[in-house]
């Protein structure tokens, strides 16, 4: 399979080169990352101590959120562990540097070409490689195994799209997955899917979803009041938070806000686009509706009052949900699959989302069952739901209690993942001491 896979890559190389040149010189999306993606890592990465080193691969922002709590737990178990974090996207780089300050190095993950992955592995020299959620790169996994480096998949999830393609390419997936020591999957459905793709059943476990362990929870009274003051929300104004919106979602969200404000005139909106470089065009859209609008990064841009605040700063959204009364999470009114609904739930807020949440079916199912998550069909439905929720303080209080309870019931996955990493490190001879004796992971 290694030969066939690389012959296939060889055939695709002209297309891949053109695509990559466009990303570097055309769109500029890979301008700052191409050297590291080709395995040309900074020399300081090579200089490592005798401490055990873990290479943690996260794709982008969502995986960074999941990995943060794993890192915290691993640091408790192995205080002297040295962390190298790699990401695929620039937003992931920025989020990793902010959220995981204990990391010794933050780099870009290499392209899955034999010479490139070998060069990267030779520089990083990890004792253990850990992939978060769904990163399966055949040449890379084969190379780490050849070097005697154990690999794990933690907080594993197999999306519908990955599963469909994986079943069509099952021999390749089976070869790639055979190089992984342990798979810690979010749900039993994810476990069965990765087994179907070729993972050995005796290496697969269910650990739960690490995003339930996120530390962005209820704000203190002082934090709450200070953040509302910074956003200009005084005199008890109600706030609707629309987070991680994608192109095609701002229009229905703004329509929903205007509809809900007919019943609740004191309502303001915080609109947080997934791609913050779209903030200027969104601001123009908002002002074309006659709404007073400012950007979080430019508070002086408010004309008169603050009907809408565009959150165009990085890494604040998780806490900003805490100053809202009702939240909507984007990527769900368009066929993208939905973003992280646990961030508002962690603050005890009701969360609304569209019909396209196939990337988080298990979490969505739990949120609906707990009475804290509500699916809407479109912008009109969203506006009605926001207005109805704001009209019932008693219901909001019940939702708050149910949301906190839901989070508490599901905690512990990050600890189980960290224990698995520590166990593999100990078995590999790179983990001389643990603060506690890890117990075998148990299903959540």
Protein backbone atom coordinates (compact mmCIF):
# COMPACT_ATOMS: atom_id res chain seq x y z
CA UNK A 1 0.00 0.00 0.00
CA UNK A 2 2.89 2.34 0.65
CA UNK A 3 4.05 1.94 -2.95
CA UNK A 4 0.58 2.37 -4.42
CA UNK A 5 -0.20 5.40 -2.24
CA UNK A 6 3.01 7.17 -3.22
CA UNK A 7 2.58 6.31 -6.91
CA UNK A 8 -0.81 7.99 -6.66
CA UNK A 9 0.80 11.06 -5.06
CA UNK A 10 3.43 11.06 -7.83
CA UNK A 11 0.71 11.21 -10.48
CA UNK A 12 -0.93 14.11 -8.64
CA UNK A 13 2.28 16.09 -8.10
CA UNK A 14 1.79 18.51 -11.06
CA UNK A 15 -1.67 19.42 -9.75
CA UNK A 16 -0.43 19.62 -6.17
CA UNK A 17 2.45 21.90 -7.18
CA UNK A 18 0.10 24.26 -9.05
CA UNK A 19 -2.33 24.31 -6.12
CA UNK A 20 0.44 24.97 -3.62
CA UNK A 21 2.01 27.72 -5.73
CA UNK A 22 -1.39 29.39 -5.86
CA UNK A 23 -1.70 29.18 -2.05
CA UNK A 24 1.76 30.71 -1.63
CA UNK A 25 1.81 33.38 -4.36
CA UNK A 26 -1.87 33.74 -5.26
CA UNK A 27 -4.16 33.62 -2.24
CA UNK A 28 -1.23 33.96 0.18
CA UNK A 29 -2.76 31.40 2.56
CA UNK A 30 0.44 29.35 2.70
CA UNK A 31 2.91 32.21 2.38
CA UNK A 32 3.94 32.03 6.03
CA UNK A 33 3.83 28.26 6.35
CA UNK A 34 5.27 26.65 3.20
CA UNK A 35 8.84 26.27 4.48
CA UNK A 36 7.76 24.37 7.58
CA UNK A 37 5.21 22.35 5.61
CA UNK A 38 8.10 21.24 3.42
CA UNK A 39 9.97 20.05 6.53
CA UNK A 40 12.25 23.10 6.84
CA UNK A 41 11.70 23.64 10.55
CA UNK A 42 13.53 26.22 12.72
CA UNK A 43 16.84 24.91 13.99
CA UNK A 44 15.86 25.58 17.61
CA UNK A 45 13.26 22.80 17.35
CA UNK A 46 16.11 20.32 16.89
CA UNK A 47 17.77 21.39 20.14
CA UNK A 48 15.98 19.32 22.76
CA UNK A 49 16.74 18.39 26.33
CA UNK A 50 16.65 14.97 27.96
CA UNK A 51 13.01 15.60 28.93
CA UNK A 52 10.35 13.41 27.28
CA UNK A 53 8.98 15.10 24.15
CA UNK A 54 5.43 14.76 22.82
CA UNK A 55 4.45 15.94 19.35
CA UNK A 56 0.76 16.93 19.36
CA UNK A 57 -0.87 17.51 15.96
CA UNK A 58 -4.00 19.67 15.88
CA UNK A 59 -5.57 20.93 12.65
CA UNK A 60 -7.12 24.25 13.53
CA UNK A 61 -9.05 26.16 16.19
CA UNK A 62 -11.51 23.43 17.15
CA UNK A 63 -8.81 20.85 17.73
CA UNK A 64 -6.76 23.33 19.77
CA UNK A 65 -9.78 23.79 22.08
CA UNK A 66 -9.98 20.02 22.54
CA UNK A 67 -6.23 19.62 23.09
CA UNK A 68 -5.83 22.38 25.69
CA UNK A 69 -7.43 20.36 28.47
CA UNK A 70 -5.46 17.25 27.44
CA UNK A 71 -2.23 19.25 27.73
CA UNK A 72 -3.21 20.50 31.19
CA UNK A 73 -3.89 16.96 32.38
CA UNK A 74 -0.67 15.62 30.83
CA UNK A 75 1.32 18.35 32.57
CA UNK A 76 -0.14 17.22 35.88
CA UNK A 77 0.88 13.62 35.20
CA UNK A 78 4.28 14.35 33.65
CA UNK A 79 5.38 17.82 34.81
CA UNK A 80 8.61 17.84 32.80
CA UNK A 81 7.05 16.84 29.47
CA UNK A 82 8.23 18.87 26.50
CA UNK A 83 5.49 19.77 23.99
CA UNK A 84 5.76 20.42 20.28
CA UNK A 85 2.41 21.52 18.84
CA UNK A 86 1.80 21.41 15.09
CA UNK A 87 -1.16 22.85 13.21
CA UNK A 88 -2.35 22.88 9.62
CA UNK A 89 -3.87 26.37 9.51
CA UNK A 90 -2.67 29.86 10.41
CA UNK A 91 -5.65 30.38 12.73
CA UNK A 92 -4.69 27.16 14.49
CA UNK A 93 -1.15 28.51 14.95
CA UNK A 94 -2.41 31.70 16.55
CA UNK A 95 -4.87 29.85 18.77
CA UNK A 96 -2.24 27.32 19.87
CA UNK A 97 0.22 30.04 20.84
CA UNK A 98 -2.46 31.78 22.91
CA UNK A 99 -4.09 28.70 24.46
CA UNK A 100 -1.07 26.46 25.09
CA UNK A 101 1.66 28.77 26.42
CA UNK A 102 3.49 25.78 27.92
CA UNK A 103 4.37 24.46 24.46
CA UNK A 104 8.10 24.66 23.75
CA UNK A 105 7.48 24.96 20.00
CA UNK A 106 4.50 25.62 17.71
CA UNK A 107 5.12 24.55 14.12
CA UNK A 108 3.27 23.66 10.91
CA UNK A 109 2.55 20.01 10.11
CA UNK A 110 4.45 18.68 7.08
CA UNK A 111 2.96 17.70 3.74
CA UNK A 112 2.48 13.92 3.54
CA UNK A 113 5.41 13.29 1.20
CA UNK A 114 8.03 10.69 2.22
CA UNK A 115 11.11 12.92 2.16
CA UNK A 116 9.26 15.79 3.83
CA UNK A 117 7.84 13.78 6.74
CA UNK A 118 11.20 12.08 7.35
CA UNK A 119 12.91 15.48 7.51
CA UNK A 120 10.35 16.82 9.97
CA UNK A 121 10.49 13.77 12.22
CA UNK A 122 14.31 13.85 12.23
CA UNK A 123 14.20 17.48 13.44
CA UNK A 124 11.46 17.13 16.06
CA UNK A 125 12.62 13.72 17.40
CA UNK A 126 9.48 13.06 19.47
CA UNK A 127 9.16 10.23 21.96
CA UNK A 128 5.42 9.99 21.25
CA UNK A 129 3.23 11.37 18.45
CA UNK A 130 -0.39 12.29 19.24
CA UNK A 131 -3.02 13.19 16.64
CA UNK A 132 -6.12 15.01 17.88
CA UNK A 133 -9.55 14.10 16.47
CA UNK A 134 -9.22 12.93 12.85
CA UNK A 135 -5.76 13.53 11.39
CA UNK A 136 -4.73 10.39 9.45
CA UNK A 137 -1.70 10.89 7.20
CA UNK A 138 -0.44 7.54 5.80
CA UNK A 139 3.20 8.40 5.02
CA UNK A 140 3.67 10.26 8.29
CA UNK A 141 2.21 7.46 10.44
CA UNK A 142 4.26 4.89 8.57
CA UNK A 143 7.42 6.95 9.10
CA UNK A 144 6.96 7.41 12.86
CA UNK A 145 6.43 3.67 13.25
CA UNK A 146 9.61 2.94 11.26
CA UNK A 147 11.46 5.26 13.67
CA UNK A 148 10.04 3.35 16.65
CA UNK A 149 7.88 6.29 17.75
CA UNK A 150 4.49 5.22 19.14
CA UNK A 151 1.47 7.09 17.75
CA UNK A 152 -1.94 7.68 19.33
CA UNK A 153 -5.21 9.19 18.13
CA UNK A 154 -7.04 10.98 20.96
CA UNK A 155 -10.49 12.56 21.11
CA UNK A 156 -11.01 10.67 17.86
CA UNK A 157 -13.97 11.38 15.61
CA UNK A 158 -14.89 10.07 12.16
CA UNK A 159 -17.16 12.45 10.24
CA UNK A 160 -19.66 11.29 7.63
CA UNK A 161 -17.44 12.61 4.86
CA UNK A 162 -14.29 10.93 6.22
CA UNK A 163 -16.17 7.67 6.63
CA UNK A 164 -17.56 7.73 3.08
CA UNK A 165 -14.15 8.41 1.54
CA UNK A 166 -12.42 6.08 3.96
CA UNK A 167 -14.59 3.12 2.98
CA UNK A 168 -13.79 3.77 -0.70
CA UNK A 169 -10.07 3.87 0.15
CA UNK A 170 -10.19 1.24 2.89
CA UNK A 171 -6.91 -0.55 1.99
CA UNK A 172 -5.02 2.74 2.32
CA UNK A 173 -6.76 3.58 5.59
CA UNK A 174 -6.11 0.08 6.96
CA UNK A 175 -2.39 0.45 6.21
CA UNK A 176 -2.28 3.92 7.79
CA UNK A 177 -4.25 2.92 10.89
CA UNK A 178 -2.09 -0.17 11.45
CA UNK A 179 0.72 2.21 12.45
CA UNK A 180 -1.23 3.70 15.40
CA UNK A 181 -0.73 2.24 18.88
CA UNK A 182 -4.03 3.36 20.49
CA UNK A 183 -7.25 5.03 19.39
CA UNK A 184 -9.25 6.94 22.02
CA UNK A 185 -12.53 7.80 20.32
CA UNK A 186 -15.28 10.19 21.41
CA UNK A 187 -18.25 7.82 21.03
CA UNK A 188 -19.02 4.16 20.38
CA UNK A 189 -20.19 5.15 16.89
CA UNK A 190 -16.77 6.72 16.18
CA UNK A 191 -15.09 3.59 17.55
CA UNK A 192 -17.09 1.31 15.26
CA UNK A 193 -16.40 3.53 12.28
CA UNK A 194 -12.64 3.54 12.74
CA UNK A 195 -12.68 -0.23 13.21
CA UNK A 196 -14.62 -0.50 9.94
CA UNK A 197 -11.90 1.59 8.28
CA UNK A 198 -9.28 -0.92 9.41
CA UNK A 199 -8.15 -0.04 12.94
CA UNK A 200 -7.43 -3.18 15.02
CA UNK A 201 -10.34 -3.61 17.43
CA UNK A 202 -8.08 -4.32 20.42
CA UNK A 203 -6.46 -0.88 20.07
CA UNK A 204 -9.72 1.09 20.06
CA UNK A 205 -11.33 2.60 23.19
CA UNK A 206 -14.15 5.06 23.92
CA UNK A 207 -13.03 8.00 26.05
CA UNK A 208 -15.67 10.73 25.58
CA UNK A 209 -15.33 14.26 24.18
CA UNK A 210 -12.49 16.39 25.57
CA UNK A 211 -14.32 19.60 24.72
CA UNK A 212 -16.53 19.00 27.76
CA UNK A 213 -13.42 19.65 29.87
CA UNK A 214 -12.84 23.16 28.58
CA UNK A 215 -12.05 25.66 31.33
CA UNK A 216 -14.02 28.55 29.80
CA UNK A 217 -16.98 28.34 32.17
CA UNK A 218 -19.12 30.66 34.24
CA UNK A 219 -17.67 34.15 34.57
CA UNK A 220 -17.38 35.67 38.01
CA UNK A 221 -19.66 38.64 38.73
CA UNK A 222 -16.68 40.97 38.38
CA UNK A 223 -15.60 39.43 35.06
CA UNK A 224 -19.17 39.53 33.78
CA UNK A 225 -19.67 43.21 34.60
CA UNK A 226 -16.23 44.23 33.31
CA UNK A 227 -16.71 42.44 29.99
CA UNK A 228 -20.17 43.92 29.47
CA UNK A 229 -18.76 47.36 30.23
CA UNK A 230 -15.99 46.89 27.64
CA UNK A 231 -18.58 45.93 25.05
CA UNK A 232 -20.78 48.91 25.95
CA UNK A 233 -23.71 46.83 27.24
CA UNK A 234 -25.04 48.73 30.25
CA UNK A 235 -28.38 49.27 31.96
CA UNK A 236 -29.33 45.61 31.80
CA UNK A 237 -29.42 45.33 28.00
CA UNK A 238 -30.06 41.82 26.71
CA UNK A 239 -27.45 40.35 24.37
CA UNK A 240 -27.74 37.85 21.51
CA UNK A 241 -24.39 36.20 20.63
CA UNK A 242 -23.96 34.77 17.12
CA UNK A 243 -20.64 32.92 17.09
CA UNK A 244 -18.50 31.40 14.34
CA UNK A 245 -20.73 32.55 11.49
CA UNK A 246 -19.69 31.70 7.93
CA UNK A 247 -20.42 33.39 4.60
CA UNK A 248 -24.15 33.10 3.93
CA UNK A 249 -25.10 33.13 7.61
CA UNK A 250 -24.76 36.80 8.56
CA UNK A 251 -27.83 37.81 6.54
CA UNK A 252 -30.24 35.39 8.26
CA UNK A 253 -28.68 36.15 11.66
CA UNK A 254 -29.20 39.88 11.18
CA UNK A 255 -32.77 39.23 10.02
CA UNK A 256 -33.36 37.15 13.15
CA UNK A 257 -31.90 39.92 15.33
CA UNK A 258 -34.17 42.55 13.80
CA UNK A 259 -37.21 40.30 14.22
CA UNK A 260 -36.41 39.52 17.86
CA UNK A 261 -35.77 43.19 18.62
CA UNK A 262 -39.32 44.07 17.66
CA UNK A 263 -40.40 42.24 20.83
CA UNK A 264 -37.28 43.10 22.87
CA UNK A 265 -36.15 46.66 21.99
CA UNK A 266 -33.25 46.50 24.47
CA UNK A 267 -31.59 43.65 22.55
CA UNK A 268 -28.02 43.98 21.19
CA UNK A 269 -26.10 41.60 18.97
CA UNK A 270 -22.51 40.37 19.11
CA UNK A 271 -21.62 38.92 15.72
CA UNK A 272 -18.43 36.83 15.63
CA UNK A 273 -17.47 35.73 12.10
CA UNK A 274 -15.44 32.55 11.80
CA UNK A 275 -13.10 34.38 9.41
CA UNK A 276 -12.29 37.67 11.12
CA UNK A 277 -10.83 39.13 7.91
CA UNK A 278 -14.45 39.52 6.73
CA UNK A 279 -15.21 42.02 9.51
CA UNK A 280 -15.12 45.11 7.30
CA UNK A 281 -17.58 43.75 4.73
CA UNK A 282 -19.89 42.55 7.53
CA UNK A 283 -19.75 45.98 9.12
CA UNK A 284 -20.88 47.53 5.84
CA UNK A 285 -23.73 45.00 5.65
CA UNK A 286 -24.85 45.85 9.18
CA UNK A 287 -24.76 49.61 8.60
CA UNK A 288 -26.73 49.22 5.37
CA UNK A 289 -29.60 48.01 7.57
CA UNK A 290 -29.50 51.26 9.54
CA UNK A 291 -27.94 49.68 12.62
CA UNK A 292 -25.25 51.30 14.75
CA UNK A 293 -22.24 49.04 14.54
CA UNK A 294 -18.70 48.89 15.86
CA UNK A 295 -15.85 46.41 15.72
CA UNK A 296 -14.34 44.99 18.89
CA UNK A 297 -10.88 45.96 17.66
CA UNK A 298 -12.05 49.51 16.88
CA UNK A 299 -14.53 50.62 19.58
CA UNK A 300 -14.29 54.18 18.32
CA UNK A 301 -16.04 53.03 15.11
CA UNK A 302 -19.41 53.13 16.90
CA UNK A 303 -21.51 55.97 15.50
CA UNK A 304 -24.25 56.24 18.10
CA UNK A 305 -24.92 53.42 20.48
CA UNK A 306 -24.06 49.81 19.83
CA UNK A 307 -26.80 47.79 18.18
CA UNK A 308 -24.22 45.36 16.84
CA UNK A 309 -20.65 44.62 17.91
CA UNK A 310 -18.55 42.63 15.44
CA UNK A 311 -16.11 40.44 17.36
CA UNK A 312 -13.06 40.66 15.10
CA UNK A 313 -10.46 39.76 17.70
CA UNK A 314 -8.99 36.31 18.14
CA UNK A 315 -9.56 33.93 21.06
CA UNK A 316 -12.27 35.90 22.91
CA UNK A 317 -15.45 34.16 21.76
CA UNK A 318 -15.45 31.38 24.36
CA UNK A 319 -15.65 33.96 27.18
CA UNK A 320 -17.90 36.38 25.31
CA UNK A 321 -20.66 33.77 25.28
CA UNK A 322 -20.79 34.34 29.04
CA UNK A 323 -22.19 37.88 28.69
CA UNK A 324 -25.00 36.82 26.37
CA UNK A 325 -28.54 35.73 27.13
CA UNK A 326 -29.04 33.55 24.04
CA UNK A 327 -26.47 32.14 21.61
CA UNK A 328 -26.39 30.89 18.04
CA UNK A 329 -23.48 28.85 16.67
CA UNK A 330 -22.65 29.10 12.99
CA UNK A 331 -21.53 26.67 10.34
CA UNK A 332 -24.98 25.17 10.79
CA UNK A 333 -27.29 27.16 8.50
CA UNK A 334 -25.06 26.13 5.58
CA UNK A 335 -23.78 22.60 4.80
CA UNK A 336 -20.53 23.01 6.76
CA UNK A 337 -21.25 20.74 9.70
CA UNK A 338 -21.47 23.18 12.61
CA UNK A 339 -18.98 24.58 15.11
CA UNK A 340 -18.55 24.20 18.88
CA UNK A 341 -21.89 24.44 20.71
CA UNK A 342 -20.27 23.48 24.03
CA UNK A 343 -18.74 26.93 24.52
CA UNK A 344 -22.09 28.67 25.20
CA UNK A 345 -23.42 25.61 27.04
CA UNK A 346 -20.42 25.80 29.40
CA UNK A 347 -21.71 29.23 30.46
CA UNK A 348 -25.23 27.89 31.02
CA UNK A 349 -26.65 29.56 27.90
CA UNK A 350 -29.30 28.19 25.53
CA UNK A 351 -27.72 27.47 22.16
CA UNK A 352 -29.45 27.61 18.79
CA UNK A 353 -28.09 26.02 15.62
CA UNK A 354 -29.20 25.23 12.09
CA UNK A 355 -29.95 21.84 10.54
CA UNK A 356 -26.37 21.16 9.37
CA UNK A 357 -24.67 19.88 12.53
CA UNK A 358 -23.41 16.55 11.20
CA UNK A 359 -19.89 17.07 12.61
CA UNK A 360 -21.23 17.02 16.17
CA UNK A 361 -24.23 14.70 16.15
CA UNK A 362 -23.56 13.18 19.58
CA UNK A 363 -23.17 16.55 21.32
CA UNK A 364 -26.23 17.94 19.53
CA UNK A 365 -28.27 14.91 20.59
CA UNK A 366 -27.24 15.40 24.21
CA UNK A 367 -27.96 19.14 24.11
CA UNK A 368 -31.45 18.56 22.71
CA UNK A 369 -32.17 15.83 25.27
CA UNK A 370 -31.02 18.11 28.10
CA UNK A 371 -33.27 20.91 26.87
CA UNK A 372 -30.40 23.33 26.27
CA UNK A 373 -29.94 23.04 22.49
CA UNK A 374 -32.52 24.05 19.90
CA UNK A 375 -32.44 23.42 16.16
CA UNK A 376 -33.79 26.10 13.83
CA UNK A 377 -34.56 25.75 10.15
CA UNK A 378 -33.68 29.25 8.91
CA UNK A 379 -33.34 32.92 9.88
CA UNK A 380 -37.06 33.42 10.48
CA UNK A 381 -37.20 30.43 12.79
CA UNK A 382 -34.07 31.69 14.56
CA UNK A 383 -35.68 35.09 15.21
CA UNK A 384 -38.81 33.50 16.70
CA UNK A 385 -36.78 31.21 18.97
CA UNK A 386 -34.59 34.06 20.24
CA UNK A 387 -37.66 36.18 21.03
CA UNK A 388 -39.42 33.28 22.79
CA UNK A 389 -36.41 32.44 24.97
CA UNK A 390 -35.86 36.05 25.99
CA UNK A 391 -39.53 36.33 26.97
CA UNK A 392 -39.17 33.62 29.63
CA UNK A 393 -36.60 34.33 32.38
CA UNK A 394 -37.83 31.23 34.26
CA UNK A 395 -37.01 29.02 31.25
CA UNK A 396 -33.58 30.60 30.91
CA UNK A 397 -32.84 29.77 34.54
CA UNK A 398 -33.85 26.13 34.05
CA UNK A 399 -31.72 25.94 30.90
CA UNK A 400 -28.78 27.37 32.86
CA UNK A 401 -28.99 24.61 35.46
CA UNK A 402 -29.47 21.87 32.86
CA UNK A 403 -26.52 23.13 30.80
CA UNK A 404 -24.11 23.10 33.75
CA UNK A 405 -25.35 19.62 34.70
CA UNK A 406 -24.78 18.36 31.16
CA UNK A 407 -21.20 19.62 31.18
CA UNK A 408 -20.45 18.07 34.57
CA UNK A 409 -21.82 14.65 33.56
CA UNK A 410 -19.46 14.42 30.61
CA UNK A 411 -16.19 15.60 32.11
CA UNK A 412 -13.13 13.37 32.33
CA UNK A 413 -12.21 12.53 28.72
CA UNK A 414 -9.10 14.74 28.79
CA UNK A 415 -7.80 12.95 31.86
CA UNK A 416 -8.31 9.58 30.19
CA UNK A 417 -6.48 10.73 27.05
CA UNK A 418 -3.59 12.15 29.09
CA UNK A 419 -3.31 8.91 31.05
CA UNK A 420 -3.14 6.94 27.81
CA UNK A 421 -0.35 9.20 26.50
CA UNK A 422 1.55 8.86 29.79
CA UNK A 423 1.15 5.07 29.72
CA UNK A 424 2.57 4.86 26.21
CA UNK A 425 5.43 7.16 27.20
CA UNK A 426 6.21 4.97 30.20
CA UNK A 427 6.11 1.82 28.07
CA UNK A 428 8.39 3.50 25.54
CA UNK A 429 10.92 4.32 28.26
CA UNK A 430 10.58 8.08 27.86
CA UNK A 431 8.51 8.82 30.95
CA UNK A 432 10.59 8.21 34.10
CA UNK A 433 7.99 9.46 36.58
CA UNK A 434 4.27 10.08 36.95
CA UNK A 435 2.57 12.05 39.69
CA UNK A 436 -0.17 9.44 39.86
CA UNK A 437 -0.59 5.91 38.63
CA UNK A 438 -2.78 6.10 35.52
CA UNK A 439 -5.78 3.79 35.46
CA UNK A 440 -7.03 2.16 32.25
CA UNK A 441 -9.41 4.45 30.34
CA UNK A 442 -13.08 3.72 30.87
CA UNK A 443 -15.97 4.55 28.52
CA UNK A 444 -17.70 7.85 29.28
